[in-house]
Amino acid sequence: MESFKVVRPEHLNHYGYLFGGFLLKWVDEISWIAASRDYPGCRFVTVAMDNVEFHCSARQGMVLRFDASESRRGTTSVAYRVTVFSDDLDTGAETQIFSTCVTFVRLDASGEKMPLPAPSTPEVL
């Protein structure tokens, strides 16, 4: 799944750079959307985010591209690799600024882990 965000003034720290927390929030949200679209009807919660390391900074006005794809599937959990790029709208070039793997676990209505359905079978709780 691909998604985009624009870095706005309210996302910046006092030095004019993107707060890392905003980027982590967007990565979590976008990967959750990808998992929820791939497994309709499943209730997912985030349980892990691997290797949080920012490779390059982001400034106001930058367009960020998020690429999320399933990287690992377990019995009750699924992980998504998310790579973030900053796009240069003048040249069309992009630079990878961040990547991580986000793991979700599927829960039932009472908060207990439950198995994932077959990848293409929608399931309603």
Protein backbone atom coordinates (compact mmCIF):
# COMPACT_ATOMS: atom_id res chain seq x y z
CA MET A 1 0.00 0.00 0.00
CA GLU A 2 1.22 3.47 -0.79
CA SER A 3 0.27 6.68 1.03
CA PHE A 4 1.50 10.27 1.19
CA LYS A 5 1.80 13.02 3.82
CA VAL A 6 2.85 16.67 3.62
CA VAL A 7 5.09 17.94 6.42
CA ARG A 8 3.30 20.99 7.85
CA PRO A 9 4.39 23.61 10.42
CA GLU A 10 2.50 21.86 13.23
CA HIS A 11 4.66 18.75 12.67
CA LEU A 12 7.96 20.58 13.30
CA ASN A 13 10.15 20.89 16.37
CA HIS A 14 11.68 24.21 17.45
CA TYR A 15 14.62 23.66 15.06
CA GLY A 16 12.33 23.35 12.02
CA TYR A 17 12.63 19.58 11.56
CA LEU A 18 9.89 16.95 11.62
CA PHE A 19 9.28 15.55 15.11
CA GLY A 20 10.14 11.85 15.02
CA GLY A 21 6.94 11.07 16.92
CA PHE A 22 4.80 12.31 14.05
CA LEU A 23 6.64 10.04 11.62
CA LEU A 24 6.21 7.05 13.96
CA LYS A 25 2.50 7.83 14.32
CA TRP A 26 2.06 7.95 10.54
CA VAL A 27 4.02 4.71 10.05
CA ASP A 28 1.87 2.95 12.66
CA GLU A 29 -1.37 4.29 11.20
CA ILE A 30 -0.50 3.51 7.57
CA SER A 31 0.70 -0.01 8.36
CA TRP A 32 -2.46 -0.63 10.42
CA ILE A 33 -4.58 0.50 7.45
CA ALA A 34 -2.63 -1.87 5.16
CA ALA A 35 -3.19 -4.80 7.55
CA SER A 36 -6.87 -3.96 7.97
CA ARG A 37 -7.36 -3.80 4.19
CA ASP A 38 -5.49 -7.08 3.65
CA TYR A 39 -7.47 -8.83 6.42
CA PRO A 40 -10.99 -7.29 6.41
CA GLY A 41 -12.98 -7.75 9.59
CA CYS A 42 -9.91 -8.32 11.77
CA ARG A 43 -9.24 -6.27 14.89
CA PHE A 44 -5.50 -5.45 15.05
CA VAL A 45 -3.34 -3.80 17.69
CA THR A 46 0.31 -2.82 17.36
CA VAL A 47 2.68 -4.98 19.41
CA ALA A 48 6.10 -4.03 18.03
CA MET A 49 8.03 -1.64 15.84
CA ASP A 50 11.55 -2.80 14.97
CA ASN A 51 14.69 -0.76 14.57
CA VAL A 52 13.61 2.88 14.88
CA GLU A 53 16.42 4.82 13.21
CA PHE A 54 15.94 8.06 11.28
CA HIS A 55 18.25 8.18 8.23
CA CYS A 56 17.55 11.74 7.05
CA SER A 57 15.62 14.72 8.36
CA ALA A 58 12.39 16.09 6.94
CA ARG A 59 11.50 19.79 6.73
CA GLN A 60 8.34 21.81 6.21
CA GLY A 61 6.72 21.35 2.82
CA MET A 62 8.30 17.99 2.06
CA VAL A 63 6.04 15.30 0.65
CA LEU A 64 6.63 11.93 2.27
CA ARG A 65 5.76 8.68 0.50
CA PHE A 66 4.99 5.63 2.66
CA ASP A 67 5.28 2.15 1.17
CA ALA A 68 3.79 -0.61 3.36
CA SER A 69 3.78 -4.30 2.46
CA GLU A 70 3.29 -7.53 4.37
CA SER A 71 6.63 -9.02 5.37
CA ARG A 72 5.77 -11.84 7.76
CA ARG A 73 2.66 -13.74 8.79
CA GLY A 74 2.23 -15.83 11.91
CA THR A 75 -0.72 -17.62 13.46
CA THR A 76 -2.16 -14.59 15.28
CA SER A 77 0.16 -11.83 14.06
CA VAL A 78 1.21 -10.12 10.87
CA ALA A 79 4.12 -7.75 10.21
CA TYR A 80 4.43 -4.97 7.65
CA ARG A 81 7.63 -3.44 6.31
CA VAL A 82 7.18 0.32 5.97
CA THR A 83 9.67 2.41 4.02
CA VAL A 84 9.40 6.20 3.98
CA PHE A 85 10.78 8.41 1.21
CA SER A 86 10.96 12.18 0.89
CA ASP A 87 9.99 13.35 -2.59
CA ASP A 88 11.67 16.31 -4.27
CA LEU A 89 8.79 17.82 -6.22
CA ASP A 90 11.15 19.92 -8.37
CA THR A 91 13.29 17.05 -9.67
CA GLY A 92 11.12 13.99 -9.02
CA ALA A 93 13.96 12.39 -7.04
CA GLU A 94 13.26 10.69 -3.75
CA THR A 95 15.38 9.81 -0.74
CA GLN A 96 14.71 7.02 1.74
CA ILE A 97 14.51 8.62 5.18
CA PHE A 98 13.16 5.78 7.36
CA SER A 99 12.17 2.12 7.40
CA THR A 100 10.92 -0.29 10.02
CA CYS A 101 8.79 -3.38 10.50
CA VAL A 102 5.52 -3.02 12.43
CA THR A 103 3.92 -6.11 13.97
CA PHE A 104 0.22 -6.42 14.75
CA VAL A 105 -1.69 -9.09 16.63
CA ARG A 106 -5.29 -9.98 15.97
CA LEU A 107 -7.65 -9.77 18.95
CA ASP A 108 -11.21 -10.91 19.50
CA ALA A 109 -13.88 -8.70 21.11
CA SER A 110 -12.66 -9.62 24.62
CA GLY A 111 -9.03 -8.75 23.85
CA GLU A 112 -7.73 -12.31 23.45
CA LYS A 113 -5.43 -13.32 20.61
CA MET A 114 -7.09 -15.19 17.79
CA PRO A 115 -5.84 -16.80 14.56
CA LEU A 116 -5.66 -14.86 11.34
CA PRO A 117 -8.04 -15.92 8.58
CA ALA A 118 -6.76 -17.18 5.24
CA PRO A 119 -5.26 -14.17 3.40
CA SER A 120 -8.12 -13.68 0.93
CA THR A 121 -11.05 -14.69 3.14
CA PRO A 122 -12.92 -11.74 4.75
CA GLU A 123 -14.12 -12.50 8.24
CA VAL A 124 -16.61 -10.57 10.38
CA LEU A 125 -16.41 -10.54 14.18
